[in-house]
N, C-alpha and C. Protein backbone atom coordinates (compact mmCIF):
# COMPACT_ATOMS: atom_id res chain seq x y z
N MET A 1 -20.65 9.72 -0.37
CA MET A 1 -20.12 9.75 -1.74
C MET A 1 -18.64 9.98 -1.68
N SER A 2 -17.95 9.53 -2.70
CA SER A 2 -16.52 9.63 -2.80
C SER A 2 -16.14 10.97 -3.29
N GLU A 3 -14.96 11.47 -2.86
CA GLU A 3 -14.44 12.73 -3.31
C GLU A 3 -13.41 12.50 -4.45
N TYR A 4 -13.30 11.27 -4.83
CA TYR A 4 -12.24 10.86 -5.82
C TYR A 4 -12.73 11.05 -7.23
N THR A 5 -11.88 11.55 -8.14
CA THR A 5 -12.19 11.72 -9.52
C THR A 5 -11.31 10.76 -10.30
N VAL A 6 -11.88 10.07 -11.31
CA VAL A 6 -11.08 9.17 -12.16
C VAL A 6 -10.51 10.04 -13.29
N THR A 7 -9.21 9.95 -13.46
CA THR A 7 -8.48 10.77 -14.47
C THR A 7 -8.01 9.88 -15.59
N ARG A 8 -7.50 10.56 -16.64
CA ARG A 8 -6.88 9.79 -17.77
C ARG A 8 -5.76 8.92 -17.26
N ALA A 9 -4.97 9.44 -16.35
CA ALA A 9 -3.84 8.65 -15.80
C ALA A 9 -4.37 7.41 -15.12
N ASP A 10 -5.49 7.53 -14.45
CA ASP A 10 -6.11 6.34 -13.78
C ASP A 10 -6.52 5.27 -14.80
N LEU A 11 -7.10 5.76 -15.91
CA LEU A 11 -7.52 4.85 -16.98
C LEU A 11 -6.32 4.17 -17.62
N ILE A 12 -5.26 4.95 -17.84
CA ILE A 12 -4.07 4.40 -18.42
C ILE A 12 -3.46 3.37 -17.51
N ASP A 13 -3.46 3.65 -16.21
CA ASP A 13 -2.94 2.71 -15.25
C ASP A 13 -3.79 1.44 -15.16
N ALA A 14 -5.07 1.56 -15.34
CA ALA A 14 -5.99 0.40 -15.29
C ALA A 14 -5.70 -0.49 -16.47
N VAL A 15 -5.52 0.11 -17.65
CA VAL A 15 -5.18 -0.71 -18.86
C VAL A 15 -3.83 -1.36 -18.67
N TYR A 16 -2.92 -0.65 -18.15
CA TYR A 16 -1.57 -1.20 -17.88
C TYR A 16 -1.63 -2.42 -17.01
N LYS A 17 -2.43 -2.33 -15.92
CA LYS A 17 -2.47 -3.42 -14.93
C LYS A 17 -3.33 -4.56 -15.45
N GLU A 18 -4.44 -4.31 -16.08
CA GLU A 18 -5.37 -5.33 -16.55
C GLU A 18 -4.89 -6.14 -17.76
N ILE A 19 -4.29 -5.39 -18.72
CA ILE A 19 -3.91 -6.02 -19.98
C ILE A 19 -2.43 -6.39 -19.97
N GLY A 20 -1.63 -5.64 -19.29
CA GLY A 20 -0.20 -5.91 -19.24
C GLY A 20 0.63 -5.20 -20.30
N LEU A 21 0.03 -4.25 -20.99
CA LEU A 21 0.79 -3.44 -21.96
C LEU A 21 1.64 -2.48 -21.22
N SER A 22 2.62 -1.88 -21.93
CA SER A 22 3.47 -0.86 -21.31
C SER A 22 2.55 0.36 -20.96
N ARG A 23 3.05 1.20 -20.16
CA ARG A 23 2.27 2.48 -19.85
C ARG A 23 2.16 3.35 -21.11
N THR A 24 3.17 3.33 -21.95
CA THR A 24 3.15 4.11 -23.17
C THR A 24 2.10 3.56 -24.12
N GLU A 25 1.99 2.24 -24.31
CA GLU A 25 1.04 1.64 -25.16
C GLU A 25 -0.35 1.86 -24.57
N SER A 26 -0.48 1.78 -23.29
CA SER A 26 -1.77 1.98 -22.64
C SER A 26 -2.24 3.41 -22.86
N ALA A 27 -1.32 4.38 -22.76
CA ALA A 27 -1.64 5.77 -22.99
C ALA A 27 -2.12 5.99 -24.43
N VAL A 28 -1.47 5.37 -25.38
CA VAL A 28 -1.86 5.49 -26.82
C VAL A 28 -3.28 4.96 -27.02
N ILE A 29 -3.62 3.80 -26.39
CA ILE A 29 -4.93 3.25 -26.54
C ILE A 29 -6.00 4.20 -25.93
N ILE A 30 -5.80 4.67 -24.73
CA ILE A 30 -6.77 5.53 -24.05
C ILE A 30 -6.93 6.83 -24.90
N GLU A 31 -5.83 7.44 -25.33
CA GLU A 31 -5.92 8.63 -26.11
C GLU A 31 -6.61 8.42 -27.43
N SER A 32 -6.42 7.29 -28.06
CA SER A 32 -7.06 6.95 -29.33
C SER A 32 -8.55 6.82 -29.10
N ILE A 33 -8.99 6.13 -28.07
CA ILE A 33 -10.41 5.98 -27.75
C ILE A 33 -11.07 7.35 -27.54
N LEU A 34 -10.42 8.16 -26.71
CA LEU A 34 -11.01 9.45 -26.43
C LEU A 34 -11.06 10.37 -27.63
N SER A 35 -10.01 10.26 -28.50
CA SER A 35 -9.97 11.03 -29.74
C SER A 35 -11.10 10.59 -30.70
N HIS A 36 -11.37 9.27 -30.80
CA HIS A 36 -12.43 8.81 -31.67
C HIS A 36 -13.80 9.25 -31.13
N ILE A 37 -14.00 9.21 -29.82
CA ILE A 37 -15.25 9.67 -29.27
C ILE A 37 -15.44 11.16 -29.49
N THR A 38 -14.41 11.95 -29.23
CA THR A 38 -14.43 13.36 -29.37
C THR A 38 -14.74 13.75 -30.87
N GLY A 39 -14.01 13.13 -31.80
CA GLY A 39 -14.18 13.33 -33.19
C GLY A 39 -15.64 13.05 -33.67
N ALA A 40 -16.19 11.99 -33.20
CA ALA A 40 -17.58 11.66 -33.57
C ALA A 40 -18.58 12.73 -33.04
N LEU A 41 -18.32 13.19 -31.83
CA LEU A 41 -19.21 14.18 -31.21
C LEU A 41 -19.11 15.49 -31.94
N ILE A 42 -17.88 15.85 -32.31
CA ILE A 42 -17.64 17.10 -33.07
C ILE A 42 -18.39 17.07 -34.43
N LYS A 43 -18.46 15.93 -35.06
CA LYS A 43 -19.20 15.76 -36.26
C LYS A 43 -20.66 15.76 -36.08
N GLY A 44 -21.12 15.65 -34.80
CA GLY A 44 -22.61 15.67 -34.53
C GLY A 44 -23.13 14.23 -34.45
N GLU A 45 -22.27 13.24 -34.45
CA GLU A 45 -22.72 11.85 -34.40
C GLU A 45 -22.99 11.45 -32.95
N THR A 46 -23.84 10.40 -32.84
CA THR A 46 -24.13 9.87 -31.47
C THR A 46 -23.12 8.77 -31.19
N VAL A 47 -22.61 8.73 -29.98
CA VAL A 47 -21.70 7.69 -29.53
C VAL A 47 -22.38 6.79 -28.52
N LYS A 48 -22.56 5.56 -28.89
CA LYS A 48 -23.30 4.60 -28.00
C LYS A 48 -22.23 3.55 -27.57
N LEU A 49 -22.05 3.45 -26.23
CA LEU A 49 -21.16 2.45 -25.63
C LEU A 49 -22.06 1.46 -24.92
N SER A 50 -22.21 0.32 -25.52
CA SER A 50 -23.13 -0.73 -24.98
C SER A 50 -22.82 -1.01 -23.52
N GLY A 51 -23.86 -1.04 -22.67
CA GLY A 51 -23.67 -1.30 -21.27
C GLY A 51 -23.20 -0.13 -20.45
N PHE A 52 -22.90 1.00 -21.12
CA PHE A 52 -22.43 2.20 -20.43
C PHE A 52 -23.43 3.34 -20.64
N GLY A 53 -23.56 3.78 -21.87
CA GLY A 53 -24.50 4.87 -22.09
C GLY A 53 -24.31 5.50 -23.49
N THR A 54 -25.03 6.56 -23.72
CA THR A 54 -25.02 7.23 -24.99
C THR A 54 -24.69 8.68 -24.85
N PHE A 55 -23.71 9.14 -25.66
CA PHE A 55 -23.38 10.57 -25.67
C PHE A 55 -23.99 11.12 -26.98
N ASP A 56 -24.57 12.29 -26.89
CA ASP A 56 -25.10 12.92 -28.10
C ASP A 56 -24.91 14.44 -27.99
N VAL A 57 -25.01 15.06 -29.17
CA VAL A 57 -24.89 16.53 -29.19
C VAL A 57 -26.27 17.06 -29.58
N ARG A 58 -26.73 18.00 -28.81
CA ARG A 58 -28.01 18.65 -29.04
C ARG A 58 -27.79 20.06 -29.46
N HIS A 59 -28.64 20.55 -30.33
CA HIS A 59 -28.60 21.97 -30.79
C HIS A 59 -29.64 22.77 -30.04
N LYS A 60 -29.14 23.83 -29.38
CA LYS A 60 -30.06 24.73 -28.71
C LYS A 60 -30.17 26.02 -29.48
N LYS A 61 -31.37 26.55 -29.68
CA LYS A 61 -31.58 27.72 -30.43
C LYS A 61 -31.25 28.92 -29.55
N SER A 62 -30.97 30.05 -30.24
CA SER A 62 -30.75 31.27 -29.44
C SER A 62 -32.05 31.72 -28.77
N ARG A 63 -31.96 32.39 -27.70
CA ARG A 63 -33.13 32.82 -26.95
C ARG A 63 -32.76 33.97 -26.06
N MET A 64 -33.80 34.57 -25.48
CA MET A 64 -33.54 35.62 -24.48
C MET A 64 -33.46 35.01 -23.07
N GLY A 65 -32.50 35.34 -22.33
CA GLY A 65 -32.37 34.93 -20.96
C GLY A 65 -32.43 36.08 -20.04
N ARG A 66 -32.20 35.82 -18.75
CA ARG A 66 -32.29 36.84 -17.78
C ARG A 66 -31.15 36.69 -16.82
N ASN A 67 -30.39 37.81 -16.59
CA ASN A 67 -29.33 37.81 -15.60
C ASN A 67 -29.97 37.74 -14.23
N PRO A 68 -29.74 36.65 -13.46
CA PRO A 68 -30.43 36.53 -12.17
C PRO A 68 -30.04 37.58 -11.14
N LYS A 69 -28.83 38.15 -11.33
CA LYS A 69 -28.34 39.15 -10.36
C LYS A 69 -29.03 40.55 -10.61
N THR A 70 -29.13 40.90 -11.84
CA THR A 70 -29.66 42.27 -12.21
C THR A 70 -31.06 42.18 -12.74
N GLY A 71 -31.54 41.07 -13.18
CA GLY A 71 -32.89 40.98 -13.78
C GLY A 71 -32.95 41.43 -15.18
N ARG A 72 -31.84 41.88 -15.81
CA ARG A 72 -31.84 42.38 -17.16
C ARG A 72 -31.84 41.23 -18.13
N GLU A 73 -32.57 41.44 -19.23
CA GLU A 73 -32.64 40.44 -20.30
C GLU A 73 -31.32 40.46 -21.08
N VAL A 74 -30.80 39.28 -21.41
CA VAL A 74 -29.60 39.15 -22.21
C VAL A 74 -29.81 38.07 -23.24
N PRO A 75 -29.29 38.27 -24.45
CA PRO A 75 -29.43 37.24 -25.48
C PRO A 75 -28.50 36.07 -25.21
N ILE A 76 -28.96 34.87 -25.42
CA ILE A 76 -28.14 33.67 -25.30
C ILE A 76 -28.03 33.17 -26.71
N THR A 77 -26.86 32.97 -27.23
CA THR A 77 -26.64 32.59 -28.57
C THR A 77 -26.91 31.08 -28.78
N SER A 78 -27.17 30.69 -29.96
CA SER A 78 -27.39 29.24 -30.30
C SER A 78 -26.08 28.53 -30.00
N ARG A 79 -26.18 27.27 -29.63
CA ARG A 79 -25.00 26.49 -29.25
C ARG A 79 -25.32 25.04 -29.30
N ARG A 80 -24.28 24.24 -29.29
CA ARG A 80 -24.42 22.82 -29.19
C ARG A 80 -24.02 22.39 -27.79
N VAL A 81 -24.79 21.44 -27.25
CA VAL A 81 -24.51 20.96 -25.85
C VAL A 81 -24.36 19.47 -25.88
N LEU A 82 -23.50 18.96 -25.03
CA LEU A 82 -23.31 17.54 -24.94
C LEU A 82 -24.20 16.92 -23.94
N GLY A 83 -24.85 15.84 -24.32
CA GLY A 83 -25.74 15.13 -23.41
C GLY A 83 -25.23 13.69 -23.20
N PHE A 84 -25.60 13.08 -22.08
CA PHE A 84 -25.23 11.71 -21.77
C PHE A 84 -26.44 11.06 -21.10
N ARG A 85 -26.82 9.90 -21.65
CA ARG A 85 -27.90 9.09 -21.09
C ARG A 85 -27.29 7.78 -20.68
N PRO A 86 -27.26 7.45 -19.39
CA PRO A 86 -26.63 6.19 -18.95
C PRO A 86 -27.56 4.99 -19.38
N SER A 87 -26.96 3.88 -19.61
CA SER A 87 -27.72 2.64 -20.01
C SER A 87 -28.41 2.13 -18.76
N SER A 88 -29.39 1.32 -18.95
CA SER A 88 -30.09 0.68 -17.81
C SER A 88 -29.14 -0.21 -17.03
N ILE A 89 -28.19 -0.83 -17.73
CA ILE A 89 -27.18 -1.67 -17.03
C ILE A 89 -26.34 -0.83 -16.10
N LEU A 90 -25.89 0.30 -16.54
CA LEU A 90 -25.08 1.17 -15.71
C LEU A 90 -25.88 1.68 -14.53
N LYS A 91 -27.10 2.07 -14.78
CA LYS A 91 -28.01 2.53 -13.69
C LYS A 91 -28.15 1.46 -12.62
N ARG A 92 -28.42 0.20 -13.06
CA ARG A 92 -28.59 -0.93 -12.11
C ARG A 92 -27.33 -1.12 -11.27
N ARG A 93 -26.15 -1.10 -11.93
CA ARG A 93 -24.88 -1.27 -11.23
C ARG A 93 -24.64 -0.20 -10.19
N VAL A 94 -24.89 1.06 -10.60
CA VAL A 94 -24.68 2.13 -9.64
C VAL A 94 -25.64 2.04 -8.48
N ASN A 95 -26.89 1.78 -8.72
CA ASN A 95 -27.88 1.69 -7.65
C ASN A 95 -27.64 0.44 -6.76
N ALA A 96 -27.15 -0.63 -7.36
CA ALA A 96 -26.83 -1.84 -6.58
C ALA A 96 -25.66 -1.58 -5.65
N SER A 97 -24.73 -0.76 -6.05
CA SER A 97 -23.60 -0.49 -5.19
C SER A 97 -24.06 0.40 -3.97
N LEU A 98 -25.11 1.16 -4.12
CA LEU A 98 -25.61 1.92 -3.06
C LEU A 98 -26.19 1.08 -1.92
N THR A 99 -26.84 -0.02 -2.33
CA THR A 99 -27.48 -0.89 -1.31
C THR A 99 -26.44 -1.71 -0.55
N LYS A 100 -25.22 -1.86 -1.04
CA LYS A 100 -24.19 -2.67 -0.41
C LYS A 100 -23.53 -1.86 0.71
N ASN A 101 -23.65 -0.52 0.69
CA ASN A 101 -22.96 0.28 1.73
C ASN A 101 -23.67 0.33 3.02
């Protein structure tokens, strides 16, 4: 597996190289996309990117948990968690890349 992480700067650079916009314009596009996705998730909406996957927000109820170090019960407050389900197309592409190595 690779130790490399794709960053915002990498995405901006990819848009710059692929489309030919300036780096500033590329940064505005990437930031706008990420802002729209974030805003939708904050509102509790589902974000579906065809061929990539689906982001959704799930609500978890409060419950009693256990501190694994001490064994004491501790309350876990209710919260929202972000989930991601990759599309079947993305899964196929990732798995196909494993067979090429």
